[in-house]
Amino acid sequence: MNTTIFFREDAHLSFPPVCVGCGSNDPTKTLKWTIFSSPSLSSGAKAFKAANVLVGLAMGGIGGAMGGAHLGNTLKKSKATALHTLPICELCLSRFSSTHLQIVSEASEGLFQDTGITTPAFSLKMIKGCASWTLVNERFAKLVTDMNKGEVFLSLDHCIANSQSPGKQPELGFEEASQLPVVDAKSLANYQSIYKRALSPIEAVVVDSWHAIVGKHKTIYTYPDIPEKKLKNAIASYAKCSSNELIIALQDSSLFGSAKQGALFTSLGIHGSPPGVNKPISIHYWQIVPSFVSFDSSFTKSCIILGTDQRIWLNGFQGDTEFAALCAFISKVATFTKHP
């Protein structure tokens, strides 16, 4: 059954490591495109244009290129507002004819027509500054929705209501901080009571995002309800926190509940325990590209993917729900944090 979701034209989405066409795990190919803003279009409309359609290994470089787009003079002067990379399996990709690849590659004008564009895996069109995306695979659509809370909507009206006003679309850039969300006064007072000090605007938003997106799960403990022994073990084992980091949450991946393995989420970033003999990982949110965030919950691997060489290894989850929630949180805070 087809599923339609909506997202803002400047949204930086995260995608699950499953095929956009059939929902199978571990797809080996990718489709990439770029959304460009076009000053020539009225009413703040944005032109969608594929800078290229790259087909290659999902986790190991690009194996080839197909359908490289030729940007016209108008779009050459435009600025990229979002990048999207869709995972796809080899079988589903084989169903894309050269015409389909060209449609994705040169979809600028077609997106603003009533019919939009259509491929074997999805159809897409722009309506009032929002993308209406109809997917043939229900599992992929659900995971995208779960991973991008606040970015993906189930109705056009909701998407439009949450869109930014014209003229305030952020230019694509990994050190550009988006406008901070507003934390209501009651929640802010509660957080400051918990931490027993005033919170900076960015700290308040990170803490608030955690409470809104992740919530309670079996192996995830949110401050101040983190068992003291677990927190001490995590800090002693792998999480070397600085004095200006607020502890937000702890994920316990240890087999017997010691919390010597897992992840510690703070106001600045993530500390993760390594598998085997690898070194612990510590990464700031501003170092993370939101569109790179995904997860792998296969039998042999269980991790959050933050980039080509960055993994947070986690165990103890019953399914994809916890992974999707953590990815949604990381993607959100990575969009509005920047290099200090």
C-alpha atoms as a PDB file:
ATOM      1  CA  MET A   1       0.000   0.000   0.000  1.00  0.00           C
ATOM      2  CA  ASN A   2       1.391   3.404  -0.988  1.00  0.00           C
ATOM      3  CA  THR A   3       2.140   5.878   1.791  1.00  0.00           C
ATOM      4  CA  THR A   4       2.345   9.664   1.330  1.00  0.00           C
ATOM      5  CA  ILE A   5       4.417  11.842   3.626  1.00  0.00           C
ATOM      6  CA  PHE A   6       5.290  15.537   3.439  1.00  0.00           C
ATOM      7  CA  PHE A   7       8.418  17.506   4.258  1.00  0.00           C
ATOM      8  CA  ARG A   8       9.584  21.096   3.945  1.00  0.00           C
ATOM      9  CA  GLU A   9      11.640  21.946   0.894  1.00  0.00           C
ATOM     10  CA  ASP A  10      14.675  22.825   3.054  1.00  0.00           C
ATOM     11  CA  ALA A  11      14.431  19.739   5.289  1.00  0.00           C
ATOM     12  CA  HIS A  12      17.609  17.772   5.952  1.00  0.00           C
ATOM     13  CA  LEU A  13      16.276  14.244   6.247  1.00  0.00           C
ATOM     14  CA  SER A  14      17.804  11.071   7.607  1.00  0.00           C
ATOM     15  CA  PHE A  15      17.024   7.763   5.924  1.00  0.00           C
ATOM     16  CA  PRO A  16      17.009   4.236   7.366  1.00  0.00           C
ATOM     17  CA  PRO A  17      19.451   1.628   6.007  1.00  0.00           C
ATOM     18  CA  VAL A  18      16.686  -0.158   4.092  1.00  0.00           C
ATOM     19  CA  CYS A  19      15.782  -0.056   0.408  1.00  0.00           C
ATOM     20  CA  VAL A  20      13.475   2.788  -0.645  1.00  0.00           C
ATOM     21  CA  GLY A  21      11.799   0.415  -3.096  1.00  0.00           C
ATOM     22  CA  CYS A  22      11.230  -2.857  -1.236  1.00  0.00           C
ATOM     23  CA  GLY A  23      12.266  -2.164   2.363  1.00  0.00           C
ATOM     24  CA  SER A  24      14.935  -4.877   2.406  1.00  0.00           C
ATOM     25  CA  ASN A  25      17.863  -4.530   4.792  1.00  0.00           C
ATOM     26  CA  ASP A  26      21.415  -3.554   3.819  1.00  0.00           C
ATOM     27  CA  PRO A  27      20.873  -2.025   0.359  1.00  0.00           C
ATOM     28  CA  THR A  28      24.162  -1.719  -1.519  1.00  0.00           C
ATOM     29  CA  LYS A  29      23.356   1.238  -3.794  1.00  0.00           C
ATOM     30  CA  THR A  30      22.316   4.845  -3.364  1.00  0.00           C
ATOM     31  CA  LEU A  31      20.492   7.551  -5.293  1.00  0.00           C
ATOM     32  CA  LYS A  32      21.552  11.121  -4.531  1.00  0.00           C
ATOM     33  CA  TRP A  33      20.033  14.442  -5.422  1.00  0.00           C
ATOM     34  CA  THR A  34      20.177  18.078  -4.374  1.00  0.00           C
ATOM     35  CA  ILE A  35      17.371  20.580  -3.855  1.00  0.00           C
ATOM     36  CA  PHE A  36      18.229  24.054  -5.120  1.00  0.00           C
ATOM     37  CA  SER A  37      16.432  27.286  -4.414  1.00  0.00           C
ATOM     38  CA  SER A  38      15.603  29.253  -7.533  1.00  0.00           C
ATOM     39  CA  PRO A  39      15.166  33.036  -7.203  1.00  0.00           C
ATOM     40  CA  SER A  40      13.321  33.069 -10.535  1.00  0.00           C
ATOM     41  CA  LEU A  41      10.352  31.153  -9.128  1.00  0.00           C
ATOM     42  CA  SER A  42       7.564  33.175  -7.546  1.00  0.00           C
ATOM     43  CA  SER A  43       6.046  32.785  -4.069  1.00  0.00           C
ATOM     44  CA  GLY A  44       9.260  31.462  -2.610  1.00  0.00           C
ATOM     45  CA  ALA A  45       8.996  28.249  -4.644  1.00  0.00           C
ATOM     46  CA  LYS A  46      12.085  26.101  -4.747  1.00  0.00           C
ATOM     47  CA  ALA A  47      13.400  24.248  -7.758  1.00  0.00           C
ATOM     48  CA  PHE A  48      14.272  20.645  -7.228  1.00  0.00           C
ATOM     49  CA  LYS A  49      17.246  19.572  -9.273  1.00  0.00           C
ATOM     50  CA  ALA A  50      19.571  16.576  -9.114  1.00  0.00           C
ATOM     51  CA  ALA A  51      23.164  17.719  -9.068  1.00  0.00           C
ATOM     52  CA  ASN A  52      23.913  14.115  -9.892  1.00  0.00           C
ATOM     53  CA  VAL A  53      22.519  10.646  -9.553  1.00  0.00           C
ATOM     54  CA  LEU A  54      25.260   8.580  -8.039  1.00  0.00           C
ATOM     55  CA  VAL A  55      25.127   4.828  -7.919  1.00  0.00           C
ATOM     56  CA  GLY A  56      27.671   3.111  -5.706  1.00  0.00           C
ATOM     57  CA  LEU A  57      28.325   1.203  -2.539  1.00  0.00           C
ATOM     58  CA  ALA A  58      26.236   2.576   0.298  1.00  0.00           C
ATOM     59  CA  MET A  59      29.089   2.462   2.793  1.00  0.00           C
ATOM     60  CA  GLY A  60      32.235   2.450   0.690  1.00  0.00           C
ATOM     61  CA  GLY A  61      32.703   5.092  -1.943  1.00  0.00           C
ATOM     62  CA  ILE A  62      30.996   5.711  -5.232  1.00  0.00           C
ATOM     63  CA  GLY A  63      31.187   3.031  -7.856  1.00  0.00           C
ATOM     64  CA  GLY A  64      29.911   5.037 -10.788  1.00  0.00           C
ATOM     65  CA  ALA A  65      27.728   7.912 -11.901  1.00  0.00           C
ATOM     66  CA  MET A  66      24.575   7.982 -13.975  1.00  0.00           C
ATOM     67  CA  GLY A  67      22.386  10.762 -15.263  1.00  0.00           C
ATOM     68  CA  GLY A  68      24.559  13.700 -14.266  1.00  0.00           C
ATOM     69  CA  ALA A  69      22.333  16.744 -14.382  1.00  0.00           C
ATOM     70  CA  HIS A  70      23.093  19.835 -16.414  1.00  0.00           C
ATOM     71  CA  LEU A  71      22.111  22.890 -14.400  1.00  0.00           C
ATOM     72  CA  GLY A  72      20.698  25.753 -16.369  1.00  0.00           C
ATOM     73  CA  ASN A  73      21.848  29.350 -15.890  1.00  0.00           C
ATOM     74  CA  THR A  74      19.118  30.055 -13.357  1.00  0.00           C
ATOM     75  CA  LEU A  75      19.924  27.073 -11.190  1.00  0.00           C
ATOM     76  CA  LYS A  76      23.654  27.681 -11.447  1.00  0.00           C
ATOM     77  CA  LYS A  77      23.002  30.917  -9.588  1.00  0.00           C
ATOM     78  CA  SER A  78      20.846  29.175  -6.992  1.00  0.00           C
ATOM     79  CA  LYS A  79      21.964  27.795  -3.666  1.00  0.00           C
ATOM     80  CA  ALA A  80      21.548  24.245  -2.431  1.00  0.00           C
ATOM     81  CA  THR A  81      19.055  24.039   0.421  1.00  0.00           C
ATOM     82  CA  ALA A  82      19.055  20.268   1.044  1.00  0.00           C
ATOM     83  CA  LEU A  83      20.843  17.084   0.066  1.00  0.00           C
ATOM     84  CA  HIS A  84      19.135  13.698  -0.045  1.00  0.00           C
ATOM     85  CA  THR A  85      20.654  10.232  -0.381  1.00  0.00           C
ATOM     86  CA  LEU A  86      18.242   7.331  -0.849  1.00  0.00           C
ATOM     87  CA  PRO A  87      19.394   3.774  -0.125  1.00  0.00           C
ATOM     88  CA  ILE A  88      18.264   1.289  -2.753  1.00  0.00           C
ATOM     89  CA  CYS A  89      18.974  -2.376  -3.461  1.00  0.00           C
ATOM     90  CA  GLU A  90      20.410  -3.567  -6.743  1.00  0.00           C
ATOM     91  CA  LEU A  91      17.171  -5.268  -7.820  1.00  0.00           C
ATOM     92  CA  CYS A  92      15.035  -2.147  -7.267  1.00  0.00           C
ATOM     93  CA  LEU A  93      17.643   0.008  -8.978  1.00  0.00           C
ATOM     94  CA  SER A  94      17.494  -2.273 -12.017  1.00  0.00           C
ATOM     95  CA  ARG A  95      13.826  -1.311 -12.384  1.00  0.00           C
ATOM     96  CA  PHE A  96      14.867   2.311 -12.970  1.00  0.00           C
ATOM     97  CA  SER A  97      15.157   2.820 -16.707  1.00  0.00           C
ATOM     98  CA  SER A  98      17.432   5.481 -18.142  1.00  0.00           C
ATOM     99  CA  THR A  99      14.271   7.600 -18.497  1.00  0.00           C
ATOM    100  CA  HIS A 100      13.486   7.212 -14.791  1.00  0.00           C
ATOM    101  CA  LEU A 101      17.025   8.214 -13.845  1.00  0.00           C
ATOM    102  CA  GLN A 102      16.759  11.229 -16.109  1.00  0.00           C
ATOM    103  CA  ILE A 103      13.447  12.164 -14.467  1.00  0.00           C
ATOM    104  CA  VAL A 104      15.134  12.158 -11.060  1.00  0.00           C
ATOM    105  CA  SER A 105      18.178  13.886 -12.502  1.00  0.00           C
ATOM    106  CA  GLU A 106      16.257  16.705 -14.191  1.00  0.00           C
ATOM    107  CA  ALA A 107      13.124  16.943 -12.080  1.00  0.00           C
ATOM    108  CA  SER A 108      13.131  20.698 -11.547  1.00  0.00           C
ATOM    109  CA  GLU A 109      10.197  21.687 -13.733  1.00  0.00           C
ATOM    110  CA  GLY A 110       8.249  18.448 -13.340  1.00  0.00           C
ATOM    111  CA  LEU A 111       7.960  18.769  -9.590  1.00  0.00           C
ATOM    112  CA  PHE A 112       5.847  21.912  -9.871  1.00  0.00           C
ATOM    113  CA  GLN A 113       3.342  20.350 -12.263  1.00  0.00           C
ATOM    114  CA  ASP A 114       0.168  18.647 -11.074  1.00  0.00           C
ATOM    115  CA  THR A 115       1.482  15.184 -11.932  1.00  0.00           C
ATOM    116  CA  GLY A 116       4.928  15.694 -10.427  1.00  0.00           C
ATOM    117  CA  ILE A 117       7.496  13.004 -11.161  1.00  0.00           C
ATOM    118  CA  THR A 118       7.081   9.225 -10.943  1.00  0.00           C
ATOM    119  CA  THR A 119       9.621   6.425 -10.523  1.00  0.00           C
ATOM    120  CA  PRO A 120       9.281   2.696  -9.736  1.00  0.00           C
ATOM    121  CA  ALA A 121       9.953   3.386  -6.030  1.00  0.00           C
ATOM    122  CA  PHE A 122       8.234   6.723  -5.394  1.00  0.00           C
ATOM    123  CA  SER A 123       6.494   9.761  -6.808  1.00  0.00           C
ATOM    124  CA  LEU A 124       7.111  13.343  -5.775  1.00  0.00           C
ATOM    125  CA  LYS A 125       5.746  16.815  -6.348  1.00  0.00           C
ATOM    126  CA  MET A 126       5.988  20.242  -4.728  1.00  0.00           C
ATOM    127  CA  ILE A 127       2.896  21.886  -3.249  1.00  0.00           C
ATOM    128  CA  LYS A 128       3.031  25.291  -1.562  1.00  0.00           C
ATOM    129  CA  GLY A 129       6.666  24.897  -0.563  1.00  0.00           C
ATOM    130  CA  CYS A 130       6.307  21.318   0.684  1.00  0.00           C
ATOM    131  CA  ALA A 131       7.284  18.067  -0.964  1.00  0.00           C
ATOM    132  CA  SER A 132       4.519  15.495  -1.293  1.00  0.00           C
ATOM    133  CA  TRP A 133       6.326  12.157  -1.371  1.00  0.00           C
ATOM    134  CA  THR A 134       4.399   8.962  -2.117  1.00  0.00           C
ATOM    135  CA  LEU A 135       6.394   5.790  -1.392  1.00  0.00           C
ATOM    136  CA  VAL A 136       5.560   2.294  -2.560  1.00  0.00           C
ATOM    137  CA  ASN A 137       7.113   0.685   0.528  1.00  0.00           C
ATOM    138  CA  GLU A 138       5.240   1.198   3.788  1.00  0.00           C
ATOM    139  CA  ARG A 139       8.147   0.103   6.016  1.00  0.00           C
ATOM    140  CA  PHE A 140      10.520   2.661   4.500  1.00  0.00           C
ATOM    141  CA  ALA A 141       7.900   5.408   4.846  1.00  0.00           C
ATOM    142  CA  LYS A 142       7.272   4.587   8.520  1.00  0.00           C
ATOM    143  CA  LEU A 143      10.961   4.519   9.394  1.00  0.00           C
ATOM    144  CA  VAL A 144      11.552   7.846   7.638  1.00  0.00           C
ATOM    145  CA  THR A 145       8.651   9.343   9.606  1.00  0.00           C
ATOM    146  CA  ASP A 146       9.946   7.934  12.907  1.00  0.00           C
ATOM    147  CA  MET A 147      13.509   9.104  12.261  1.00  0.00           C
ATOM    148  CA  ASN A 148      12.536  12.634  11.225  1.00  0.00           C
ATOM    149  CA  LYS A 149       9.985  13.786  13.774  1.00  0.00           C
ATOM    150  CA  GLY A 150       9.400  17.485  13.349  1.00  0.00           C
ATOM    151  CA  GLU A 151      10.652  17.332   9.751  1.00  0.00           C
ATOM    152  CA  VAL A 152       8.250  14.824   8.165  1.00  0.00           C
ATOM    153  CA  PHE A 153       4.471  15.148   8.388  1.00  0.00           C
ATOM    154  CA  LEU A 154       1.475  13.026   7.476  1.00  0.00           C
ATOM    155  CA  SER A 155      -0.623  15.877   6.086  1.00  0.00           C
ATOM    156  CA  LEU A 156       0.058  18.808   3.788  1.00  0.00           C
ATOM    157  CA  ASP A 157      -1.642  21.269   6.151  1.00  0.00           C
ATOM    158  CA  HIS A 158       0.630  20.217   9.015  1.00  0.00           C
ATOM    159  CA  CYS A 159       3.692  20.558   6.799  1.00  0.00           C
ATOM    160  CA  ILE A 160       2.678  24.027   5.602  1.00  0.00           C
ATOM    161  CA  ALA A 161       1.954  25.144   9.170  1.00  0.00           C
ATOM    162  CA  ASN A 162       5.453  24.133  10.233  1.00  0.00           C
ATOM    163  CA  SER A 163       7.262  25.554   7.218  1.00  0.00           C
ATOM    164  CA  GLN A 164       9.561  28.522   7.656  1.00  0.00           C
ATOM    165  CA  SER A 165       8.446  31.845   6.317  1.00  0.00           C
ATOM    166  CA  PRO A 166       9.737  32.918   2.867  1.00  0.00           C
ATOM    167  CA  GLY A 167      13.116  34.604   2.941  1.00  0.00           C
ATOM    168  CA  LYS A 168      14.329  32.678   5.982  1.00  0.00           C
ATOM    169  CA  GLN A 169      15.324  29.441   4.307  1.00  0.00           C
ATOM    170  CA  PRO A 170      18.793  28.453   5.560  1.00  0.00           C
ATOM    171  CA  GLU A 171      21.544  28.032   3.023  1.00  0.00           C
ATOM    172  CA  LEU A 172      23.014  24.550   3.077  1.00  0.00           C
ATOM    173  CA  GLY A 173      26.149  24.540   5.206  1.00  0.00           C
ATOM    174  CA  PHE A 174      27.400  22.296   7.960  1.00  0.00           C
ATOM    175  CA  GLU A 175      28.396  25.156  10.247  1.00  0.00           C
ATOM    176  CA  GLU A 176      25.241  27.186   9.682  1.00  0.00           C
ATOM    177  CA  ALA A 177      22.956  27.012  12.725  1.00  0.00           C
ATOM    178  CA  SER A 178      19.265  27.075  11.973  1.00  0.00           C
ATOM    179  CA  GLN A 179      16.985  29.279  14.029  1.00  0.00           C
ATOM    180  CA  LEU A 180      16.672  27.733  17.476  1.00  0.00           C
ATOM    181  CA  PRO A 181      13.296  26.250  18.432  1.00  0.00           C
ATOM    182  CA  VAL A 182      11.533  27.890  21.359  1.00  0.00           C
ATOM    183  CA  VAL A 183      11.407  26.046  24.676  1.00  0.00           C
ATOM    184  CA  ASP A 184       8.309  26.998  26.650  1.00  0.00           C
ATOM    185  CA  ALA A 185       8.807  28.700  30.001  1.00  0.00           C
ATOM    186  CA  LYS A 186       7.369  25.845  32.077  1.00  0.00           C
ATOM    187  CA  SER A 187       9.663  23.241  30.517  1.00  0.00           C
ATOM    188  CA  LEU A 188      12.681  25.543  30.810  1.00  0.00           C
ATOM    189  CA  ALA A 189      11.975  26.102  34.515  1.00  0.00           C
ATOM    190  CA  ASN A 190      11.709  22.330  35.001  1.00  0.00           C
ATOM    191  CA  TYR A 191      15.029  21.651  33.265  1.00  0.00           C
ATOM    192  CA  GLN A 192      16.804  24.375  35.249  1.00  0.00           C
ATOM    193  CA  SER A 193      15.390  22.904  38.433  1.00  0.00           C
ATOM    194  CA  ILE A 194      16.754  19.468  37.471  1.00  0.00           C
ATOM    195  CA  TYR A 195      20.242  20.757  36.674  1.00  0.00           C
ATOM    196  CA  LYS A 196      20.197  23.360  39.436  1.00  0.00           C
ATOM    197  CA  ARG A 197      21.512  26.132  37.201  1.00  0.00           C
ATOM    198  CA  ALA A 198      20.477  28.361  34.313  1.00  0.00           C
ATOM    199  CA  LEU A 199      20.590  26.719  30.896  1.00  0.00           C
ATOM    200  CA  SER A 200      21.849  28.437  27.774  1.00  0.00           C
ATOM    201  CA  PRO A 201      19.380  28.562  24.851  1.00  0.00           C
ATOM    202  CA  ILE A 202      21.193  25.752  23.027  1.00  0.00           C
ATOM    203  CA  GLU A 203      21.375  23.577  26.148  1.00  0.00           C
ATOM    204  CA  ALA A 204      17.660  24.062  26.734  1.00  0.00           C
ATOM    205  CA  VAL A 205      16.804  23.054  23.171  1.00  0.00           C
ATOM    206  CA  VAL A 206      18.995  19.934  23.260  1.00  0.00           C
ATOM    207  CA  VAL A 207      17.473  18.792  26.559  1.00  0.00           C
ATOM    208  CA  ASP A 208      13.958  19.607  25.380  1.00  0.00           C
ATOM    209  CA  SER A 209      14.513  17.740  22.105  1.00  0.00           C
ATOM    210  CA  TRP A 210      15.564  14.643  24.008  1.00  0.00           C
ATOM    211  CA  HIS A 211      12.430  14.661  26.162  1.00  0.00           C
ATOM    212  CA  ALA A 212      10.172  15.317  23.173  1.00  0.00           C
ATOM    213  CA  ILE A 213      11.660  12.723  20.816  1.00  0.00           C
ATOM    214  CA  VAL A 214      13.217   9.871  22.757  1.00  0.00           C
ATOM    215  CA  GLY A 215      11.274   9.542  26.001  1.00  0.00           C
ATOM    216  CA  LYS A 216      11.495   6.329  28.031  1.00  0.00           C
ATOM    217  CA  HIS A 217      12.833   3.013  26.756  1.00  0.00           C
ATOM    218  CA  LYS A 218      13.964  -0.163  28.487  1.00  0.00           C
ATOM    219  CA  THR A 219      17.732   0.360  28.303  1.00  0.00           C
ATOM    220  CA  ILE A 220      17.734   4.174  28.074  1.00  0.00           C
ATOM    221  CA  TYR A 221      17.902   6.246  31.258  1.00  0.00           C
ATOM    222  CA  THR A 222      17.199   9.979  31.227  1.00  0.00           C
ATOM    223  CA  TYR A 223      18.823  12.315  33.763  1.00  0.00           C
ATOM    224  CA  PRO A 224      18.219  12.604  36.708  1.00  0.00           C
ATOM    225  CA  ASP A 225      16.862   9.030  36.678  1.00  0.00           C
ATOM    226  CA  ILE A 226      20.198   7.446  35.740  1.00  0.00           C
ATOM    227  CA  PRO A 227      21.351   4.939  38.382  1.00  0.00           C
ATOM    228  CA  GLU A 228      24.452   6.407  40.010  1.00  0.00           C
ATOM    229  CA  LYS A 229      26.525   3.232  39.662  1.00  0.00           C
ATOM    230  CA  LYS A 230      25.724   2.948  35.940  1.00  0.00           C
ATOM    231  CA  LEU A 231      26.709   6.561  35.328  1.00  0.00           C
ATOM    232  CA  LYS A 232      29.985   6.175  37.234  1.00  0.00           C
ATOM    233  CA  ASN A 233      30.832   3.016  35.288  1.00  0.00           C
ATOM    234  CA  ALA A 234      30.102   4.684  31.947  1.00  0.00           C
ATOM    235  CA  ILE A 235      32.255   7.708  32.768  1.00  0.00           C
ATOM    236  CA  ALA A 236      35.095   5.523  34.046  1.00  0.00           C
ATOM    237  CA  SER A 237      34.935   3.156  31.053  1.00  0.00           C
ATOM    238  CA  TYR A 238      34.477   5.340  27.986  1.00  0.00           C
ATOM    239  CA  ALA A 239      32.746   8.704  28.520  1.00  0.00           C
ATOM    240  CA  LYS A 240      35.345  11.364  29.261  1.00  0.00           C
ATOM    241  CA  CYS A 241      33.017  14.325  29.737  1.00  0.00           C
ATOM    242  CA  SER A 242      34.149  17.913  30.083  1.00  0.00           C
ATOM    243  CA  SER A 243      33.041  20.075  32.980  1.00  0.00           C
ATOM    244  CA  ASN A 244      30.650  22.108  30.806  1.00  0.00           C
ATOM    245  CA  GLU A 245      28.625  19.139  29.526  1.00  0.00           C
ATOM    246  CA  LEU A 246      25.189  18.432  30.915  1.00  0.00           C
ATOM    247  CA  ILE A 247      24.419  14.728  31.269  1.00  0.00           C
ATOM    248  CA  ILE A 248      21.185  14.057  29.372  1.00  0.00           C
ATOM    249  CA  ALA A 249      20.833  10.293  29.057  1.00  0.00           C
ATOM    250  CA  LEU A 250      22.584   6.941  29.254  1.00  0.00           C
ATOM    251  CA  GLN A 251      22.042   3.867  27.090  1.00  0.00           C
ATOM    252  CA  ASP A 252      23.187   0.636  28.730  1.00  0.00           C
ATOM    253  CA  SER A 253      24.425  -1.928  26.198  1.00  0.00           C
ATOM    254  CA  SER A 254      26.208  -4.151  28.710  1.00  0.00           C
ATOM    255  CA  LEU A 255      25.167  -7.776  29.037  1.00  0.00           C
ATOM    256  CA  PHE A 256      24.749  -7.741  32.814  1.00  0.00           C
ATOM    257  CA  GLY A 257      23.653  -4.137  33.384  1.00  0.00           C
ATOM    258  CA  SER A 258      26.956  -2.574  34.411  1.00  0.00           C
ATOM    259  CA  ALA A 259      26.652   0.212  31.763  1.00  0.00           C
ATOM    260  CA  LYS A 260      30.355  -0.156  30.965  1.00  0.00           C
ATOM    261  CA  GLN A 261      29.232  -0.411  27.349  1.00  0.00           C
ATOM    262  CA  GLY A 262      26.711   1.825  25.603  1.00  0.00           C
ATOM    263  CA  ALA A 263      26.409   5.542  24.991  1.00  0.00           C
ATOM    264  CA  LEU A 264      26.230   8.694  27.052  1.00  0.00           C
ATOM    265  CA  PHE A 265      24.316  11.622  25.532  1.00  0.00           C
ATOM    266  CA  THR A 266      25.197  15.108  26.746  1.00  0.00           C
ATOM    267  CA  SER A 267      24.370  18.689  25.857  1.00  0.00           C
ATOM    268  CA  LEU A 268      27.440  18.823  23.580  1.00  0.00           C
ATOM    269  CA  GLY A 269      27.522  15.428  21.919  1.00  0.00           C
ATOM    270  CA  ILE A 270      27.731  11.657  22.275  1.00  0.00           C
ATOM    271  CA  HIS A 271      30.241   9.400  24.000  1.00  0.00           C
ATOM    272  CA  GLY A 272      30.179   5.763  22.890  1.00  0.00           C
ATOM    273  CA  SER A 273      31.890   2.564  23.961  1.00  0.00           C
ATOM    274  CA  PRO A 274      33.854   0.690  21.293  1.00  0.00           C
ATOM    275  CA  PRO A 275      33.404  -2.880  20.059  1.00  0.00           C
ATOM    276  CA  GLY A 276      36.418  -5.128  20.600  1.00  0.00           C
ATOM    277  CA  VAL A 277      39.697  -3.251  20.891  1.00  0.00           C
ATOM    278  CA  ASN A 278      38.613  -0.040  19.213  1.00  0.00           C
ATOM    279  CA  LYS A 279      38.949   3.267  21.023  1.00  0.00           C
ATOM    280  CA  PRO A 280      35.924   4.990  22.590  1.00  0.00           C
ATOM    281  CA  ILE A 281      34.219   7.581  20.401  1.00  0.00           C
ATOM    282  CA  SER A 282      33.311  11.128  21.389  1.00  0.00           C
ATOM    283  CA  ILE A 283      31.639  13.342  18.810  1.00  0.00           C
ATOM    284  CA  HIS A 284      30.047  16.786  19.058  1.00  0.00           C
ATOM    285  CA  TYR A 285      26.628  17.379  17.491  1.00  0.00           C
ATOM    286  CA  TRP A 286      28.060  20.132  15.291  1.00  0.00           C
ATOM    287  CA  GLN A 287      30.400  17.572  13.723  1.00  0.00           C
ATOM    288  CA  ILE A 288      27.482  15.448  12.517  1.00  0.00           C
ATOM    289  CA  VAL A 289      25.856  15.920   9.107  1.00  0.00           C
ATOM    290  CA  PRO A 290      22.127  15.305   9.730  1.00  0.00           C
ATOM    291  CA  SER A 291      21.540  13.569   6.397  1.00  0.00           C
ATOM    292  CA  PHE A 292      24.258  10.995   7.227  1.00  0.00           C
ATOM    293  CA  VAL A 293      22.528   9.781  10.402  1.00  0.00           C
ATOM    294  CA  SER A 294      21.013   6.299  10.116  1.00  0.00           C
ATOM    295  CA  PHE A 295      21.185   2.961  11.917  1.00  0.00           C
ATOM    296  CA  ASP A 296      21.923  -0.701  11.338  1.00  0.00           C
ATOM    297  CA  SER A 297      19.920  -3.157  13.443  1.00  0.00           C
ATOM    298  CA  SER A 298      20.809  -6.337  11.581  1.00  0.00           C
ATOM    299  CA  PHE A 299      21.673  -9.595  13.358  1.00  0.00           C
ATOM    300  CA  THR A 300      25.424  -9.083  13.098  1.00  0.00           C
ATOM    301  CA  LYS A 301      25.504  -5.304  13.594  1.00  0.00           C
ATOM    302  CA  SER A 302      23.707  -2.971  15.968  1.00  0.00           C
ATOM    303  CA  CYS A 303      24.774   0.637  15.687  1.00  0.00           C
ATOM    304  CA  ILE A 304      23.911   4.226  14.906  1.00  0.00           C
ATOM    305  CA  ILE A 305      25.759   5.490  11.819  1.00  0.00           C
ATOM    306  CA  LEU A 306      26.989   9.079  12.086  1.00  0.00           C
ATOM    307  CA  GLY A 307      29.263   9.130   9.046  1.00  0.00           C
ATOM    308  CA  THR A 308      31.491   6.943   6.924  1.00  0.00           C
ATOM    309  CA  ASP A 309      33.830   6.075   9.804  1.00  0.00           C
ATOM    310  CA  GLN A 310      31.680   6.957  12.809  1.00  0.00           C
ATOM    311  CA  ARG A 311      29.577   4.350  14.619  1.00  0.00           C
ATOM    312  CA  ILE A 312      27.890   4.241  18.020  1.00  0.00           C
ATOM    313  CA  TRP A 313      27.495   0.542  18.873  1.00  0.00           C
ATOM    314  CA  LEU A 314      24.388  -0.234  20.939  1.00  0.00           C
ATOM    315  CA  ASN A 315      22.688  -3.405  22.147  1.00  0.00           C
ATOM    316  CA  GLY A 316      19.587  -4.301  24.133  1.00  0.00           C
ATOM    317  CA  PHE A 317      16.884  -2.909  21.827  1.00  0.00           C
ATOM    318  CA  GLN A 318      13.859  -5.002  20.905  1.00  0.00           C
ATOM    319  CA  GLY A 319      13.411  -3.532  17.422  1.00  0.00           C
ATOM    320  CA  ASP A 320      13.877  -0.395  15.327  1.00  0.00           C
ATOM    321  CA  THR A 321      11.846   1.978  17.530  1.00  0.00           C
ATOM    322  CA  GLU A 322      14.694   2.982  19.850  1.00  0.00           C
ATOM    323  CA  PHE A 323      17.156   3.366  16.983  1.00  0.00           C
ATOM    324  CA  ALA A 324      14.717   5.538  15.034  1.00  0.00           C
ATOM    325  CA  ALA A 325      14.087   7.765  18.069  1.00  0.00           C
ATOM    326  CA  LEU A 326      17.804   8.243  18.754  1.00  0.00           C
ATOM    327  CA  CYS A 327      18.474   9.037  15.091  1.00  0.00           C
ATOM    328  CA  ALA A 328      15.638  11.564  15.102  1.00  0.00           C
ATOM    329  CA  PHE A 329      17.103  13.284  18.175  1.00  0.00           C
ATOM    330  CA  ILE A 330      20.655  13.352  16.789  1.00  0.00           C
ATOM    331  CA  SER A 331      19.528  14.632  13.391  1.00  0.00           C
ATOM    332  CA  LYS A 332      17.459  17.398  14.954  1.00  0.00           C
ATOM    333  CA  VAL A 333      20.095  18.778  17.308  1.00  0.00           C
ATOM    334  CA  ALA A 334      22.773  18.490  14.616  1.00  0.00           C
ATOM    335  CA  THR A 335      20.776  20.910  12.439  1.00  0.00           C
ATOM    336  CA  PHE A 336      20.932  23.790  14.902  1.00  0.00           C
ATOM    337  CA  THR A 337      24.329  23.326  16.560  1.00  0.00           C
ATOM    338  CA  LYS A 338      27.512  24.784  15.129  1.00  0.00           C
ATOM    339  CA  HIS A 339      31.207  25.022  15.831  1.00  0.00           C
ATOM    340  CA  PRO A 340      31.642  27.033  19.033  1.00  0.00           C
END
